[in-house]
Amino acid sequence: MKILIVGASGFLGRKLFNDLLADKHDVVGSSRTKRGFLRLDITDHENLKLVLEQGNFDTAINLAAVGVTAGTGNEQEMVRVNSDAAIDFARILSNLDSPPTLIHIASSTEPTGNVQPESPYSKSKAEGTAAVVAALSQTQIPLKVLRIHNTYGPMQPEGRFVMSLINKFRNNEEVHLNYPNRVRDFCLIDDVSQHIVKLVTQEHTGISHNEIGTGTGVTLINAANMICKTVGASESLITSNSSEVLDLNSIQVADNSLAGFCKCETTLQGGLNNLVGSLS
């Protein structure tokens, strides 16, 4: 199977690229900036159109995103990449004679129902996902939407919750939690990547919605204590606001009742044991 990964130089992209290669697929990885990958800016319509027209891909995976880590992109860039470019991607595919299956990577932070977006990032991602689904709903192009929960693991960028806390505790730095009782679902990158590899090879028609997570929530204060103990630092380094602070996005856990639920088997503690051990 010939597969295009847009955003292959990112945290999850590199892992997925290597796992698909190991699974004997013909993989083309693209990046806006990193050497060693096909140079492709997803916001460049003509370049994207050319790659998709000439690539003869069986599957295209859109992992491109801006603003995943706070402070790494402004709101305008998030809209251009997470929303506008994602829509353009789908529209280009809809005009191809033999379009590939599209795997659109969504985020667990995208609001559902009447929930308000927690950030410009989640707002732009939600708008992009909704527009991609709308654009392809009237076509015969298979679309798999993957809503992925908080992914951690080796080489995770600084600024993301797990790796940031590991580094701070290893340096005996204080960690302050604004929302200690916020509940999140943490997924080891190995589990996430392997689920995507399986989904790539599963044939289907129409539009499917898949959620990748453990299905088990952990409060940020409990996660912080877990990371602290695994690192071997003092729990006195952890401070937090009052638990009564209003949190409009208090719980984000993978819905294990969905038909498209993909369960990550590694617990947070198990993942931390391996991750911290590899850093020692």
Protein backbone atom coordinates (compact mmCIF):
# COMPACT_ATOMS: atom_id res chain seq x y z
CA MET A 1 0.00 0.00 0.00
CA LYS A 2 1.31 3.45 -0.92
CA ILE A 3 0.75 5.98 1.85
CA LEU A 4 1.31 9.71 2.14
CA ILE A 5 1.87 11.16 5.62
CA VAL A 6 1.56 14.94 5.68
CA GLY A 7 3.40 16.11 8.78
CA ALA A 8 5.72 13.10 8.99
CA SER A 9 8.46 15.01 10.82
CA GLY A 10 6.30 15.71 13.87
CA PHE A 11 6.16 13.83 17.16
CA LEU A 12 3.52 11.29 16.12
CA GLY A 13 4.36 11.55 12.42
CA ARG A 14 7.91 10.19 12.79
CA LYS A 15 6.73 7.23 14.85
CA LEU A 16 3.92 6.43 12.43
CA PHE A 17 6.26 6.79 9.44
CA ASN A 18 8.67 4.23 10.90
CA ASP A 19 5.91 1.83 11.99
CA LEU A 20 4.29 1.86 8.54
CA LEU A 21 7.68 1.19 6.94
CA ALA A 22 8.20 -1.70 9.34
CA ASP A 23 4.79 -3.01 8.24
CA LYS A 24 6.17 -3.17 4.66
CA HIS A 25 4.21 -0.25 3.21
CA ASP A 26 5.49 2.20 0.60
CA VAL A 27 5.50 5.38 2.68
CA VAL A 28 6.07 8.95 1.53
CA GLY A 29 6.51 11.39 4.39
CA SER A 30 6.25 15.13 3.90
CA SER A 31 7.36 18.11 5.96
CA ARG A 32 7.37 21.87 5.58
CA THR A 33 10.89 22.24 6.95
CA LYS A 34 12.67 19.01 7.88
CA ARG A 35 15.28 17.54 5.56
CA GLY A 36 14.90 13.91 4.61
CA PHE A 37 11.21 14.25 3.78
CA LEU A 38 9.27 15.41 0.75
CA ARG A 39 9.05 19.19 0.97
CA LEU A 40 5.37 20.05 1.18
CA ASP A 41 3.54 22.97 2.75
CA ILE A 42 -0.08 21.94 3.16
CA THR A 43 -1.13 25.58 2.79
CA ASP A 44 0.42 25.70 -0.72
CA HIS A 45 -2.58 24.70 -2.86
CA GLU A 46 -0.70 24.12 -6.11
CA ASN A 47 2.05 22.05 -4.51
CA LEU A 48 -0.45 19.97 -2.52
CA LYS A 49 -2.58 19.42 -5.64
CA LEU A 50 0.46 18.31 -7.64
CA VAL A 51 1.59 15.83 -4.98
CA LEU A 52 -1.88 14.30 -4.67
CA GLU A 53 -2.45 14.15 -8.42
CA GLN A 54 0.87 12.51 -9.21
CA GLY A 55 1.40 10.39 -6.09
CA ASN A 56 -1.01 7.55 -6.89
CA PHE A 57 -1.54 7.03 -3.16
CA ASP A 58 -3.85 4.43 -1.65
CA THR A 59 -4.11 6.38 1.61
CA ALA A 60 -3.34 9.97 2.60
CA ILE A 61 -2.90 10.83 6.29
CA ASN A 62 -3.20 14.45 7.34
CA LEU A 63 -1.17 14.93 10.51
CA ALA A 64 -0.31 18.56 9.81
CA ALA A 65 -1.19 20.86 12.71
CA VAL A 66 -0.12 24.14 14.27
CA GLY A 67 -0.50 25.04 17.93
CA VAL A 68 -0.59 21.56 19.46
CA THR A 69 1.85 22.86 22.06
CA ALA A 70 0.85 26.17 23.61
CA GLY A 71 2.81 29.13 22.21
CA THR A 72 3.99 27.38 19.03
CA GLY A 73 1.62 29.15 16.66
CA ASN A 74 -0.59 32.19 16.45
CA GLU A 75 -4.32 32.07 15.81
CA GLN A 76 -4.00 33.03 12.16
CA GLU A 77 -1.53 30.20 11.49
CA MET A 78 -3.81 27.72 13.27
CA VAL A 79 -6.75 28.66 11.06
CA ARG A 80 -4.60 28.43 7.89
CA VAL A 81 -3.20 24.96 8.68
CA ASN A 82 -5.75 23.28 10.96
CA SER A 83 -8.86 24.49 9.18
CA ASP A 84 -8.39 26.11 5.75
CA ALA A 85 -5.67 23.73 4.51
CA ALA A 86 -7.52 20.66 5.82
CA ILE A 87 -10.58 21.74 3.83
CA ASP A 88 -8.47 22.35 0.72
CA PHE A 89 -6.94 18.88 1.14
CA ALA A 90 -10.41 17.28 1.08
CA ARG A 91 -11.57 19.34 -1.88
CA ILE A 92 -8.52 18.43 -3.95
CA LEU A 93 -9.17 14.75 -3.25
CA SER A 94 -12.80 15.10 -4.30
CA ASN A 95 -11.65 16.19 -7.77
CA LEU A 96 -9.24 13.31 -8.37
CA ASP A 97 -10.16 10.45 -10.71
CA SER A 98 -8.83 7.84 -8.26
CA PRO A 99 -8.66 9.49 -4.83
CA PRO A 100 -7.00 7.78 -1.88
CA THR A 101 -8.67 7.06 1.42
CA LEU A 102 -8.25 10.09 3.66
CA ILE A 103 -7.30 9.68 7.30
CA HIS A 104 -7.96 12.97 9.04
CA ILE A 105 -6.28 13.32 12.43
CA ALA A 106 -8.55 15.12 14.84
CA SER A 107 -7.80 16.17 18.42
CA SER A 108 -9.36 15.22 21.73
CA THR A 109 -9.54 18.95 22.49
CA GLU A 110 -12.06 19.50 19.70
CA PRO A 111 -15.35 20.39 21.41
CA THR A 112 -18.37 18.16 20.99
CA GLY A 113 -22.01 19.07 21.55
CA ASN A 114 -22.44 22.41 23.27
CA VAL A 115 -18.97 22.41 24.83
CA GLN A 116 -16.95 25.54 24.13
CA PRO A 117 -13.47 25.20 22.62
CA GLU A 118 -10.77 25.50 25.24
CA SER A 119 -8.31 27.30 22.94
CA PRO A 120 -7.84 28.75 19.44
CA TYR A 121 -6.13 25.47 18.59
CA SER A 122 -9.14 23.34 19.52
CA LYS A 123 -11.48 25.76 17.73
CA SER A 124 -9.47 25.66 14.49
CA LYS A 125 -9.15 21.87 14.62
CA ALA A 126 -12.89 21.43 15.19
CA GLU A 127 -13.72 23.72 12.28
CA GLY A 128 -11.34 21.81 10.03
CA THR A 129 -12.75 18.41 11.00
CA ALA A 130 -16.37 19.51 10.51
CA ALA A 131 -15.60 21.01 7.10
CA VAL A 132 -13.68 17.94 5.91
CA VAL A 133 -16.58 15.67 6.88
CA ALA A 134 -19.03 17.99 5.11
CA ALA A 135 -16.87 18.20 1.97
CA LEU A 136 -16.56 14.43 1.58
CA SER A 137 -20.01 13.38 2.79
CA GLN A 138 -21.43 13.69 -0.73
CA THR A 139 -18.58 11.77 -2.36
CA GLN A 140 -17.51 8.15 -2.54
CA ILE A 141 -14.13 8.91 -0.95
CA PRO A 142 -13.54 6.83 2.21
CA LEU A 143 -12.81 9.07 5.20
CA LYS A 144 -11.56 7.97 8.59
CA VAL A 145 -11.63 10.64 11.29
CA LEU A 146 -9.30 9.79 14.17
CA ARG A 147 -9.86 11.67 17.41
CA ILE A 148 -6.65 11.08 19.36
CA HIS A 149 -6.24 11.75 23.07
CA ASN A 150 -3.17 13.13 24.86
CA THR A 151 -0.21 11.29 23.36
CA TYR A 152 3.12 11.06 25.16
CA GLY A 153 6.37 9.18 24.73
CA PRO A 154 10.05 9.50 23.79
CA MET A 155 10.93 12.66 21.84
CA GLN A 156 7.75 14.42 22.93
CA PRO A 157 8.23 18.17 22.46
CA GLU A 158 8.91 20.26 25.53
CA GLY A 159 5.80 22.07 26.65
CA ARG A 160 3.47 19.07 26.51
CA PHE A 161 2.17 17.94 29.90
CA VAL A 162 3.95 14.64 30.49
CA MET A 163 7.39 15.49 29.15
CA SER A 164 7.30 18.98 30.65
CA LEU A 165 6.62 17.58 34.11
CA ILE A 166 9.23 14.86 33.77
CA ASN A 167 11.90 17.43 32.92
CA LYS A 168 10.83 19.83 35.66
CA PHE A 169 10.83 17.15 38.34
CA ARG A 170 14.20 15.82 37.17
CA ASN A 171 15.54 19.37 37.68
CA ASN A 172 13.75 19.77 41.04
CA GLU A 173 11.63 22.61 39.63
CA GLU A 174 8.20 23.53 40.98
CA VAL A 175 5.12 22.51 38.97
CA HIS A 176 1.93 24.54 39.31
CA LEU A 177 -1.41 23.14 38.12
CA ASN A 178 -4.18 25.58 37.25
CA TYR A 179 -6.78 22.83 36.98
CA PRO A 180 -5.71 20.00 39.29
CA ASN A 181 -9.01 18.13 38.98
CA ARG A 182 -9.16 18.30 35.17
CA VAL A 183 -9.52 14.74 33.83
CA ARG A 184 -7.60 13.62 30.78
CA ASP A 185 -6.88 10.39 28.89
CA PHE A 186 -3.14 9.74 28.36
CA CYS A 187 -1.95 7.46 25.54
CA LEU A 188 1.50 6.04 24.92
CA ILE A 189 2.67 6.91 21.40
CA ASP A 190 3.45 3.25 20.60
CA ASP A 191 -0.20 2.31 21.17
CA VAL A 192 -1.51 5.26 19.16
CA SER A 193 0.74 4.58 16.19
CA GLN A 194 -0.10 0.88 16.06
CA HIS A 195 -3.83 1.65 16.06
CA ILE A 196 -3.34 3.96 13.09
CA VAL A 197 -1.32 1.28 11.27
CA LYS A 198 -4.22 -1.15 11.76
CA LEU A 199 -6.80 1.41 10.63
CA VAL A 200 -4.77 2.14 7.50
CA THR A 201 -5.08 -1.48 6.39
CA GLN A 202 -8.78 -1.90 7.22
CA GLU A 203 -10.98 -1.46 4.17
CA HIS A 204 -14.15 0.55 4.56
CA THR A 205 -16.51 2.82 2.67
CA GLY A 206 -18.11 6.09 3.64
CA ILE A 207 -17.15 8.05 6.74
CA SER A 208 -16.07 6.49 10.03
CA HIS A 209 -15.31 8.17 13.34
CA ASN A 210 -12.66 6.56 15.51
CA GLU A 211 -11.44 7.53 18.96
CA ILE A 212 -8.03 6.49 20.19
CA GLY A 213 -7.48 6.44 23.95
CA THR A 214 -7.37 4.26 27.04
CA GLY A 215 -10.97 5.05 27.96
CA THR A 216 -9.77 5.78 31.49
CA GLY A 217 -9.42 9.29 32.83
CA VAL A 218 -6.72 10.55 35.20
CA THR A 219 -6.89 13.88 37.05
CA LEU A 220 -3.96 16.17 36.37
CA ILE A 221 -3.05 16.21 40.07
CA ASN A 222 -2.93 12.41 40.15
CA ALA A 223 -0.93 12.34 36.92
CA ALA A 224 1.50 14.89 38.34
CA ASN A 225 1.93 12.85 41.54
CA MET A 226 2.47 9.72 39.45
CA ILE A 227 5.14 11.42 37.32
CA CYS A 228 6.79 12.91 40.41
CA LYS A 229 7.04 9.53 42.18
CA THR A 230 8.31 7.79 39.04
CA VAL A 231 11.05 10.40 38.63
CA GLY A 232 11.86 10.18 42.35
CA ALA A 233 11.26 13.86 43.15
CA SER A 234 9.56 15.40 46.17
CA GLU A 235 5.78 15.87 45.94
CA SER A 236 6.28 19.24 47.64
CA LEU A 237 7.27 20.52 44.18
CA ILE A 238 3.60 20.31 43.13
CA THR A 239 1.32 23.27 43.81
CA SER A 240 -2.14 23.99 42.46
CA ASN A 241 -5.07 26.37 42.44
CA SER A 242 -8.17 25.68 44.47
CA SER A 243 -10.20 22.72 43.23
CA GLU A 244 -13.16 25.11 43.06
CA VAL A 245 -11.73 26.98 40.06
CA LEU A 246 -14.32 26.78 37.25
CA ASP A 247 -13.17 24.51 34.45
CA LEU A 248 -15.34 24.57 31.32
CA ASN A 249 -13.40 21.64 29.86
CA SER A 250 -13.12 19.42 32.90
CA ILE A 251 -13.32 15.95 31.34
CA GLN A 252 -11.91 14.63 28.06
CA VAL A 253 -11.77 10.84 28.00
CA ALA A 254 -12.09 8.49 25.04
CA ASP A 255 -15.63 7.14 24.70
CA ASN A 256 -15.28 3.37 24.95
CA SER A 257 -18.92 2.90 23.92
CA LEU A 258 -18.23 4.06 20.36
CA ALA A 259 -18.08 1.45 17.61
CA GLY A 260 -14.84 3.07 16.48
CA PHE A 261 -13.16 3.06 19.90
CA CYS A 262 -9.50 1.99 19.70
CA LYS A 263 -8.23 1.06 23.14
CA CYS A 264 -4.66 1.90 24.14
CA GLU A 265 -3.66 -0.85 26.53
CA THR A 266 -0.66 0.80 28.24
CA THR A 267 -1.59 2.51 31.50
CA LEU A 268 -0.11 5.90 32.33
CA GLN A 269 1.98 4.36 35.09
CA GLY A 270 3.24 1.63 32.79
CA GLY A 271 4.15 4.14 30.12
CA LEU A 272 5.89 6.39 32.63
CA ASN A 273 7.95 3.50 33.98
CA ASN A 274 9.30 2.79 30.50
CA LEU A 275 9.72 6.43 29.51
CA VAL A 276 11.51 7.58 32.68
CA GLY A 277 13.61 4.42 32.68
CA SER A 278 14.80 5.17 29.13
CA LEU A 279 15.90 8.63 30.22
CA SER A 280 18.00 7.42 33.14
